[in-house]
Amino acid sequence: MQNVNLVGGNINLEGSGQPINVVDKLSGEGQITTNSLDNHVTIGDDKTSNLTVNGTKEVTDTIASGNAELQDLADVVKSNDKSAADSVTSDANDIIGGYSAEVDGNGKVVAKTVLRCRKDLWRQRCYSVAVERRCSLELLMRLWIYNFIVCV
């Protein structure tokens, strides 16, 4: 692909081991969803303003079992050898409501923003934890968009 403008869109990577190269630039804001940490998107010039990398239930299972970390999810999309994501999220599995975190300018998941969401508690608890950890309002809104109910 040459130039891709997300314009609030979503790119779905289904399957495993899919390499996608965006030769020139990726711009706009949107989401890239993957069901495998073996999928990779390489961007020549990252001009995104708000890029979320989302993992499906299968990715949440892999992270929850300790076989991967949120950084692995962030690294699904790279530009100049670092994650191009601004945030990472993962869908609910059978036990937890998923994960969410912000990614810094160096492409690293910010540890103090990592939230593990549980299905069985109230939304208010999610807000409280995010405030305690000084998460941004934008991150809170993303949590609610993805139907995360509670974060602990």
Foldseek 3Di string as FASTA:
>chain_A
DEEAEQQAHEAEDEDAQAEAEHPHEYEEEYEYEYQYLNAAYEGAYYHYDAYEYEYEQNVQVCVVVVNDHVLSSQRSYDYPPARSHQKYWYDDYPFWRTWIFGADPRRHTDVLRIWTAHDPDAQVQQVVSCVVSVHDVVRSVVCVVSPRGHTD
